[in-house]
Amino acid sequence: MDDGEGGGGRGRQGRNRPGGSERPLSEVYDTALLDLDGVVYAGGEAIPYAVEALGEARDGGMHLAYVTNNALRTPDAVAEHLTELGVPAEPGDVITSAQAVARLIADDVPEGARVLVIGGEGLRVALRERGLVPVESADEEGLAAVAQGYGGPDMPWGRFAEASYAVARGVPWYASNTDLTIPGARGIGPGNGAAVEVVRIATGGEPKVAGKPLPPMHRETVLRTGAKRPLVVGDRLDTDIEGAFNGGVDSLLVLTGVTDVAQLLAAVPEHRPTYVDADLRGLLAGQPEVVDTQDGGFACRGWTASASGGALVLHGEGDDILDGVRALCAAAWSEAGAGACGLDAGKALERLGR
């Protein structure tokens, strides 16, 4: 068993299978760095089992911190929302990409500088926290930067034009994050990354980006939480899991948000999580070990998986189909090596009912 020591085959740089842990993850790690959208809630409503699982992890001594690329709301508003859902939280427990981008801008411009805000109140509050002055017009005298963050589904089109005017004039451009999508109550919608593309197309510019998976967000998280042995918990391979990879920390992917099993099987090394589980109940349990079989395949409890004839093959049955997913990950990632798995997974996924 890996027992939570960064397990998963050959280690972080060459993970070829999900890791195992004899102890519950909430006991192995001191702090859970939890994404929000798609992990704790979707469309403002708690995801099934999230409230109960987080309460039990907290009661057992695990520190819970909420790390989100969504720059729309302030930490106070997020903490209030979490508390209303039944997950008690303080503003200091919330770290946003708005805070990360505000620190990034403050490192580059003098205190009191004017910053054009294309986003919501969370971005304005974060800029003020760093001694910067949010403004609304590209024509503002002495404009030092443009800060772009998610402004919600009702963001006026004119705000993107305002950003474009400033960026085209050479004003330095910063983005809280570049997530192309964001999960909501009605499905997957366009995220801040889609809005950033609008300005990029109009100007040909390139923003400095702060959010996951980039180092400014990891730095912000470490500074604000003081975590010694953190576990990143997320639903996105290209932000949460890659951010953990870049920061050299372990990760848990939950399948309650944007990532499906087919995408997980095709993950490149930096997108391969340490652990995989259905939802946040995965924090409360050990993680089963994936082992080699004598015929070159991989087994996880009642399931075995292998690569054969250009396809992934899955055999067996078990009480938990996630064990089948873990075995398939091992077969796919081992076959792919340093790339993305191109094997046909259709029949294997049908067997899982996925």
Protein backbone atom coordinates (compact mmCIF):
# COMPACT_ATOMS: atom_id res chain seq x y z
CA MET A 1 0.00 0.00 0.00
CA ASP A 2 1.09 3.56 -0.71
CA ASP A 3 -0.66 4.77 2.46
CA GLY A 4 -1.04 8.28 1.13
CA GLU A 5 2.64 8.88 0.45
CA GLY A 6 2.18 10.22 -3.06
CA GLY A 7 1.42 6.76 -4.42
CA GLY A 8 0.56 5.73 -7.92
CA GLY A 9 3.18 3.66 -9.70
CA ARG A 10 6.42 5.49 -10.43
CA GLY A 11 5.64 8.69 -8.52
CA ARG A 12 4.42 12.16 -9.44
CA GLN A 13 6.43 12.62 -12.65
CA GLY A 14 5.36 9.29 -14.12
CA ARG A 15 2.16 8.17 -12.38
CA ASN A 16 0.89 5.01 -14.02
CA ARG A 17 -1.98 4.16 -11.68
CA PRO A 18 -4.14 5.69 -8.94
CA GLY A 19 -2.58 5.48 -5.50
CA GLY A 20 -3.77 3.50 -2.50
CA SER A 21 -4.05 4.35 1.16
CA GLU A 22 -4.77 2.06 4.09
CA ARG A 23 -5.93 5.00 6.21
CA PRO A 24 -8.73 7.46 5.37
CA LEU A 25 -7.41 10.41 3.40
CA SER A 26 -8.77 12.76 6.05
CA GLU A 27 -6.25 11.22 8.46
CA VAL A 28 -3.31 11.13 6.04
CA TYR A 29 -3.48 14.82 5.03
CA ASP A 30 -3.75 17.83 7.35
CA THR A 31 -5.61 20.12 4.93
CA ALA A 32 -8.08 19.56 2.11
CA LEU A 33 -7.75 22.26 -0.57
CA LEU A 34 -11.22 21.94 -2.02
CA ASP A 35 -12.46 23.32 -5.29
CA LEU A 36 -16.04 24.57 -5.04
CA ASP A 37 -17.91 24.46 -8.37
CA GLY A 38 -18.48 20.82 -9.25
CA VAL A 39 -17.04 19.55 -5.97
CA VAL A 40 -18.94 21.10 -3.05
CA TYR A 41 -21.83 22.63 -4.97
CA ALA A 42 -23.22 23.09 -8.47
CA GLY A 43 -25.47 25.97 -9.37
CA GLY A 44 -25.51 27.05 -5.73
CA GLU A 45 -26.90 23.76 -4.43
CA ALA A 46 -24.83 21.28 -2.44
CA ILE A 47 -23.67 18.22 -4.33
CA PRO A 48 -25.00 14.97 -2.81
CA TYR A 49 -23.01 13.74 0.20
CA ALA A 50 -20.77 16.85 0.24
CA VAL A 51 -22.13 18.44 3.42
CA GLU A 52 -22.04 15.24 5.45
CA ALA A 53 -18.61 14.18 4.20
CA LEU A 54 -17.03 17.56 4.87
CA GLY A 55 -18.57 17.71 8.33
CA GLU A 56 -17.16 14.31 9.25
CA ALA A 57 -13.71 15.19 7.86
CA ARG A 58 -13.69 18.46 9.81
CA ASP A 59 -14.84 16.77 13.02
CA GLY A 60 -11.96 14.32 12.61
CA GLY A 61 -9.43 17.14 12.63
CA MET A 62 -8.90 17.87 8.94
CA HIS A 63 -8.62 21.56 8.06
CA LEU A 64 -10.91 22.48 5.17
CA ALA A 65 -9.94 25.29 2.81
CA TYR A 66 -11.89 26.25 -0.28
CA VAL A 67 -9.80 27.15 -3.32
CA THR A 68 -11.73 28.37 -6.33
CA ASN A 69 -10.89 29.79 -9.73
CA ASN A 70 -14.27 31.53 -9.71
CA ALA A 71 -13.50 35.20 -9.07
CA LEU A 72 -17.10 36.39 -9.01
CA ARG A 73 -17.89 36.39 -5.29
CA THR A 74 -15.99 37.64 -2.27
CA PRO A 75 -14.62 35.24 0.36
CA ASP A 76 -17.25 36.60 2.76
CA ALA A 77 -20.05 35.74 0.34
CA VAL A 78 -18.62 32.29 -0.38
CA ALA A 79 -18.21 31.53 3.33
CA GLU A 80 -21.77 32.67 4.01
CA HIS A 81 -23.08 30.47 1.21
CA LEU A 82 -21.15 27.45 2.47
CA THR A 83 -22.45 28.01 5.99
CA GLU A 84 -26.02 28.21 4.66
CA LEU A 85 -25.50 24.88 2.90
CA GLY A 86 -24.42 23.32 6.20
CA VAL A 87 -20.66 23.59 5.74
CA PRO A 88 -19.51 26.11 8.38
CA ALA A 89 -16.77 28.34 6.93
CA GLU A 90 -15.05 31.63 7.67
CA PRO A 91 -13.88 34.11 5.01
CA GLY A 92 -10.29 33.16 5.82
CA ASP A 93 -11.06 29.59 4.73
CA VAL A 94 -11.72 30.76 1.17
CA ILE A 95 -8.98 31.42 -1.39
CA THR A 96 -10.00 32.75 -4.80
CA SER A 97 -8.28 33.42 -8.09
CA ALA A 98 -9.31 37.05 -7.58
CA GLN A 99 -6.98 37.19 -4.58
CA ALA A 100 -4.20 35.52 -6.56
CA VAL A 101 -4.48 37.89 -9.52
CA ALA A 102 -4.70 40.92 -7.23
CA ARG A 103 -1.40 39.92 -5.58
CA LEU A 104 0.12 39.34 -9.03
CA ILE A 105 -0.90 42.82 -10.17
CA ALA A 106 0.24 44.42 -6.91
CA ASP A 107 3.69 42.91 -7.47
CA ASP A 108 3.91 44.75 -10.80
CA VAL A 109 2.32 48.16 -10.19
CA PRO A 110 2.61 50.77 -7.43
CA GLU A 111 0.19 50.98 -4.52
CA GLY A 112 -2.83 53.10 -5.35
CA ALA A 113 -2.65 52.28 -9.08
CA ARG A 114 -5.89 52.29 -11.07
CA VAL A 115 -7.01 48.91 -12.42
CA LEU A 116 -9.80 48.40 -14.96
CA VAL A 117 -12.09 45.66 -13.60
CA ILE A 118 -13.85 43.29 -15.97
CA GLY A 119 -15.60 41.00 -13.51
CA GLY A 120 -17.58 40.86 -10.31
CA GLU A 121 -17.39 42.15 -6.76
CA GLY A 122 -14.93 39.45 -5.70
CA LEU A 123 -12.32 40.94 -8.01
CA ARG A 124 -12.93 44.50 -6.79
CA VAL A 125 -12.62 43.51 -3.14
CA ALA A 126 -9.41 41.59 -3.79
CA LEU A 127 -7.83 44.54 -5.59
CA ARG A 128 -8.73 46.91 -2.76
CA GLU A 129 -7.20 44.45 -0.28
CA ARG A 130 -3.89 44.95 -2.13
CA GLY A 131 -4.15 48.75 -2.08
CA LEU A 132 -5.24 49.08 -5.71
CA VAL A 133 -8.11 51.21 -7.05
CA PRO A 134 -10.75 49.46 -9.21
CA VAL A 135 -12.14 51.57 -12.08
CA GLU A 136 -14.73 50.94 -14.77
CA SER A 137 -13.48 52.77 -17.88
CA ALA A 138 -10.61 52.15 -20.28
CA ASP A 139 -10.33 55.94 -20.57
CA GLU A 140 -9.39 56.35 -16.89
CA GLU A 141 -6.30 58.54 -16.60
CA GLY A 142 -3.19 56.69 -15.45
CA LEU A 143 -4.68 53.22 -15.98
CA ALA A 144 -2.05 50.69 -14.85
CA ALA A 145 -3.66 47.32 -15.56
CA VAL A 146 -6.71 45.40 -16.76
CA ALA A 147 -8.01 42.67 -14.44
CA GLN A 148 -10.44 40.18 -15.95
CA GLY A 149 -12.37 37.60 -13.93
CA TYR A 150 -15.62 35.69 -14.18
CA GLY A 151 -18.52 38.13 -13.98
CA GLY A 152 -21.43 35.73 -14.09
CA PRO A 153 -23.74 34.72 -16.96
CA ASP A 154 -25.19 38.23 -17.26
CA MET A 155 -21.89 40.05 -17.86
CA PRO A 156 -22.65 42.83 -20.42
CA TRP A 157 -20.90 42.45 -23.76
CA GLY A 158 -19.71 46.03 -23.46
CA ARG A 159 -17.36 45.06 -20.63
CA PHE A 160 -15.36 42.88 -23.02
CA ALA A 161 -15.15 45.81 -25.41
CA GLU A 162 -13.91 48.02 -22.55
CA ALA A 163 -11.14 45.54 -21.82
CA SER A 164 -10.26 45.35 -25.50
CA TYR A 165 -9.88 49.14 -25.80
CA ALA A 166 -7.39 49.21 -22.92
CA VAL A 167 -5.42 46.12 -23.95
CA ALA A 168 -5.15 47.39 -27.52
CA ARG A 169 -3.55 50.57 -26.15
CA GLY A 170 -0.88 48.53 -24.41
CA VAL A 171 -2.27 48.45 -20.85
CA PRO A 172 -0.98 45.28 -19.11
CA TRP A 173 -3.68 42.60 -19.03
CA TYR A 174 -4.24 40.08 -16.21
CA ALA A 175 -6.76 37.25 -15.95
CA SER A 176 -7.88 35.56 -12.77
CA ASN A 177 -8.12 32.21 -14.60
CA THR A 178 -8.75 30.71 -18.01
CA ASP A 179 -11.28 27.93 -17.28
CA LEU A 180 -13.25 27.65 -20.51
CA THR A 181 -16.28 26.20 -18.74
CA ILE A 182 -18.04 26.38 -15.40
CA PRO A 183 -20.63 23.89 -14.03
CA GLY A 184 -24.06 25.18 -13.03
CA ALA A 185 -27.50 23.95 -12.08
CA ARG A 186 -28.56 23.67 -15.74
CA GLY A 187 -25.33 22.20 -17.07
CA ILE A 188 -21.90 23.33 -18.23
CA GLY A 189 -21.66 27.00 -19.25
CA PRO A 190 -18.89 29.25 -20.56
CA GLY A 191 -16.33 30.29 -17.96
CA ASN A 192 -13.85 33.13 -17.68
CA GLY A 193 -11.54 31.49 -20.19
CA ALA A 194 -14.19 31.89 -22.87
CA ALA A 195 -14.46 35.60 -22.01
CA VAL A 196 -10.67 35.93 -22.09
CA GLU A 197 -10.73 34.48 -25.61
CA VAL A 198 -13.09 37.26 -26.69
CA VAL A 199 -10.57 39.91 -25.66
CA ARG A 200 -7.66 37.90 -27.05
CA ILE A 201 -9.35 37.65 -30.46
CA ALA A 202 -10.13 41.36 -30.48
CA THR A 203 -6.64 42.50 -29.49
CA GLY A 204 -4.14 39.73 -30.17
CA GLY A 205 -2.97 40.25 -26.59
CA GLU A 206 -1.95 37.67 -24.03
CA PRO A 207 -2.83 38.04 -20.33
CA LYS A 208 -0.81 37.11 -17.29
CA VAL A 209 -2.88 34.40 -15.61
CA ALA A 210 -3.01 33.77 -11.86
CA GLY A 211 -5.46 30.93 -11.26
CA LYS A 212 -5.12 27.19 -11.14
CA PRO A 213 -3.06 25.41 -12.41
CA LEU A 214 -0.44 28.17 -12.40
CA PRO A 215 2.05 29.00 -9.60
CA PRO A 216 0.45 32.30 -8.43
CA MET A 217 -2.64 30.43 -7.22
CA HIS A 218 -0.57 27.79 -5.45
CA ARG A 219 1.48 30.53 -3.77
CA GLU A 220 -1.69 32.32 -2.64
CA THR A 221 -3.10 29.09 -1.23
CA VAL A 222 0.04 28.21 0.72
CA LEU A 223 0.36 31.72 2.12
CA ARG A 224 -3.24 31.83 3.30
CA THR A 225 -3.68 28.26 4.63
CA GLY A 226 -0.26 27.35 6.02
CA ALA A 227 -0.94 23.74 4.99
CA LYS A 228 1.93 21.33 5.71
CA ARG A 229 0.52 18.23 4.02
CA PRO A 230 -2.29 19.33 1.71
CA LEU A 231 -4.55 17.27 -0.52
CA VAL A 232 -6.00 19.07 -3.53
CA VAL A 233 -9.59 17.98 -4.17
CA GLY A 234 -11.15 18.91 -7.49
CA ASP A 235 -13.22 17.94 -10.50
CA ARG A 236 -11.06 19.36 -13.31
CA LEU A 237 -7.96 17.75 -14.74
CA ASP A 238 -6.58 20.91 -16.35
CA THR A 239 -6.86 23.15 -13.29
CA ASP A 240 -7.22 21.26 -10.00
CA ILE A 241 -5.15 18.18 -10.83
CA GLU A 242 -2.54 19.96 -12.94
CA GLY A 243 -2.26 22.61 -10.23
CA ALA A 244 -1.51 19.89 -7.67
CA PHE A 245 1.04 18.36 -10.04
CA ASN A 246 2.75 21.73 -10.53
CA GLY A 247 2.80 22.31 -6.78
CA GLY A 248 4.18 18.86 -6.03
CA VAL A 249 1.25 17.81 -3.84
CA ASP A 250 -1.22 14.92 -3.95
CA SER A 251 -4.72 15.16 -5.38
CA LEU A 252 -8.15 13.56 -5.30
CA LEU A 253 -10.37 13.76 -8.38
CA VAL A 254 -14.11 13.51 -7.69
CA LEU A 255 -16.44 12.65 -10.56
CA THR A 256 -19.16 15.13 -9.62
CA GLY A 257 -18.17 17.93 -12.00
CA VAL A 258 -16.83 18.40 -15.51
CA THR A 259 -14.48 15.40 -15.83
CA ASP A 260 -15.89 12.08 -16.99
CA VAL A 261 -14.23 8.68 -16.94
CA ALA A 262 -13.28 8.75 -20.63
CA GLN A 263 -11.37 12.01 -20.10
CA LEU A 264 -9.70 10.57 -17.02
CA LEU A 265 -8.47 7.52 -18.92
CA ALA A 266 -6.96 9.76 -21.62
CA ALA A 267 -5.18 12.01 -19.10
CA VAL A 268 -1.58 13.04 -19.74
CA PRO A 269 0.82 12.68 -16.78
CA GLU A 270 0.24 16.16 -15.32
CA HIS A 271 -3.52 15.49 -15.33
CA ARG A 272 -3.40 12.15 -13.52
CA PRO A 273 -4.71 12.42 -9.95
CA THR A 274 -3.23 10.57 -7.01
CA TYR A 275 -6.67 9.23 -6.08
CA VAL A 276 -10.04 8.87 -7.81
CA ASP A 277 -13.44 8.67 -6.15
CA ALA A 278 -17.09 9.27 -6.93
CA ASP A 279 -17.62 12.20 -4.56
CA LEU A 280 -16.36 13.77 -1.34
CA ARG A 281 -17.04 10.63 0.65
CA GLY A 282 -13.66 9.60 -0.74
CA LEU A 283 -12.06 11.77 1.95
CA LEU A 284 -13.42 9.50 4.66
CA ALA A 285 -12.16 6.19 3.38
CA GLY A 286 -8.95 4.47 2.48
CA GLN A 287 -8.20 4.04 -1.19
CA PRO A 288 -7.90 0.52 -2.63
CA GLU A 289 -4.57 -0.46 -4.13
CA VAL A 290 -4.23 -1.24 -7.83
CA VAL A 291 -1.90 -4.22 -8.30
CA ASP A 292 -0.21 -5.93 -11.23
CA THR A 293 -1.64 -9.21 -12.50
CA GLN A 294 0.39 -12.13 -13.79
CA ASP A 295 -0.75 -11.56 -17.38
CA GLY A 296 0.42 -7.94 -17.48
CA GLY A 297 -2.87 -6.35 -16.52
CA PHE A 298 -4.03 -4.52 -13.42
CA ALA A 299 -6.47 -5.45 -10.68
CA CYS A 300 -8.43 -3.46 -8.13
CA ARG A 301 -10.41 -5.70 -5.83
CA GLY A 302 -13.00 -7.45 -8.03
CA TRP A 303 -12.02 -5.84 -11.34
CA THR A 304 -9.16 -6.43 -13.77
CA ALA A 305 -8.17 -4.29 -16.76
CA SER A 306 -5.66 -4.57 -19.57
CA ALA A 307 -4.80 -3.25 -23.03
CA SER A 308 -5.35 -5.60 -25.97
CA GLY A 309 -5.84 -5.13 -29.69
CA GLY A 310 -5.94 -1.35 -29.51
CA ALA A 311 -8.62 -1.29 -26.82
CA LEU A 312 -9.00 -1.29 -23.07
CA VAL A 313 -10.48 -4.52 -21.74
CA LEU A 314 -12.30 -4.82 -18.42
CA HIS A 315 -13.26 -8.04 -16.63
CA GLY A 316 -14.87 -8.98 -13.35
CA GLU A 317 -17.47 -7.50 -11.09
CA GLY A 318 -17.43 -5.72 -7.79
CA ASP A 319 -19.56 -3.80 -5.37
CA ASP A 320 -17.93 -0.51 -6.40
CA ILE A 321 -17.58 0.37 -10.09
CA LEU A 322 -14.95 2.93 -9.07
CA ASP A 323 -12.62 -0.03 -8.55
CA GLY A 324 -13.12 -0.82 -12.22
CA VAL A 325 -12.33 2.81 -13.07
CA ARG A 326 -9.11 2.62 -11.03
CA ALA A 327 -8.02 -0.58 -12.79
CA LEU A 328 -8.78 0.96 -16.18
CA CYS A 329 -6.75 4.06 -15.28
CA ALA A 330 -3.76 1.86 -14.54
CA ALA A 331 -4.09 0.04 -17.87
CA ALA A 332 -4.59 3.27 -19.84
CA TRP A 333 -1.88 5.33 -18.14
CA SER A 334 0.69 2.54 -18.26
CA GLU A 335 0.05 2.04 -21.97
CA ALA A 336 0.19 5.77 -22.69
CA GLY A 337 3.37 6.46 -20.72
CA ALA A 338 4.21 10.15 -21.08
CA GLY A 339 1.37 10.83 -23.52
CA ALA A 340 -2.40 10.53 -23.71
CA CYS A 341 -4.00 7.12 -24.02
CA GLY A 342 -5.45 6.56 -27.49
CA LEU A 343 -6.94 3.13 -26.84
CA ASP A 344 -10.62 2.50 -27.52
CA ALA A 345 -12.40 2.52 -24.15
CA GLY A 346 -15.96 2.20 -25.43
CA LYS A 347 -16.71 -1.40 -24.45
CA ALA A 348 -14.94 -1.08 -21.11
CA LEU A 349 -16.99 1.98 -20.25
CA GLU A 350 -20.19 0.23 -21.31
CA ARG A 351 -19.38 -2.56 -18.88
CA LEU A 352 -19.15 0.05 -16.12
CA GLY A 353 -22.40 1.64 -17.20
CA ARG A 354 -20.52 4.85 -18.03
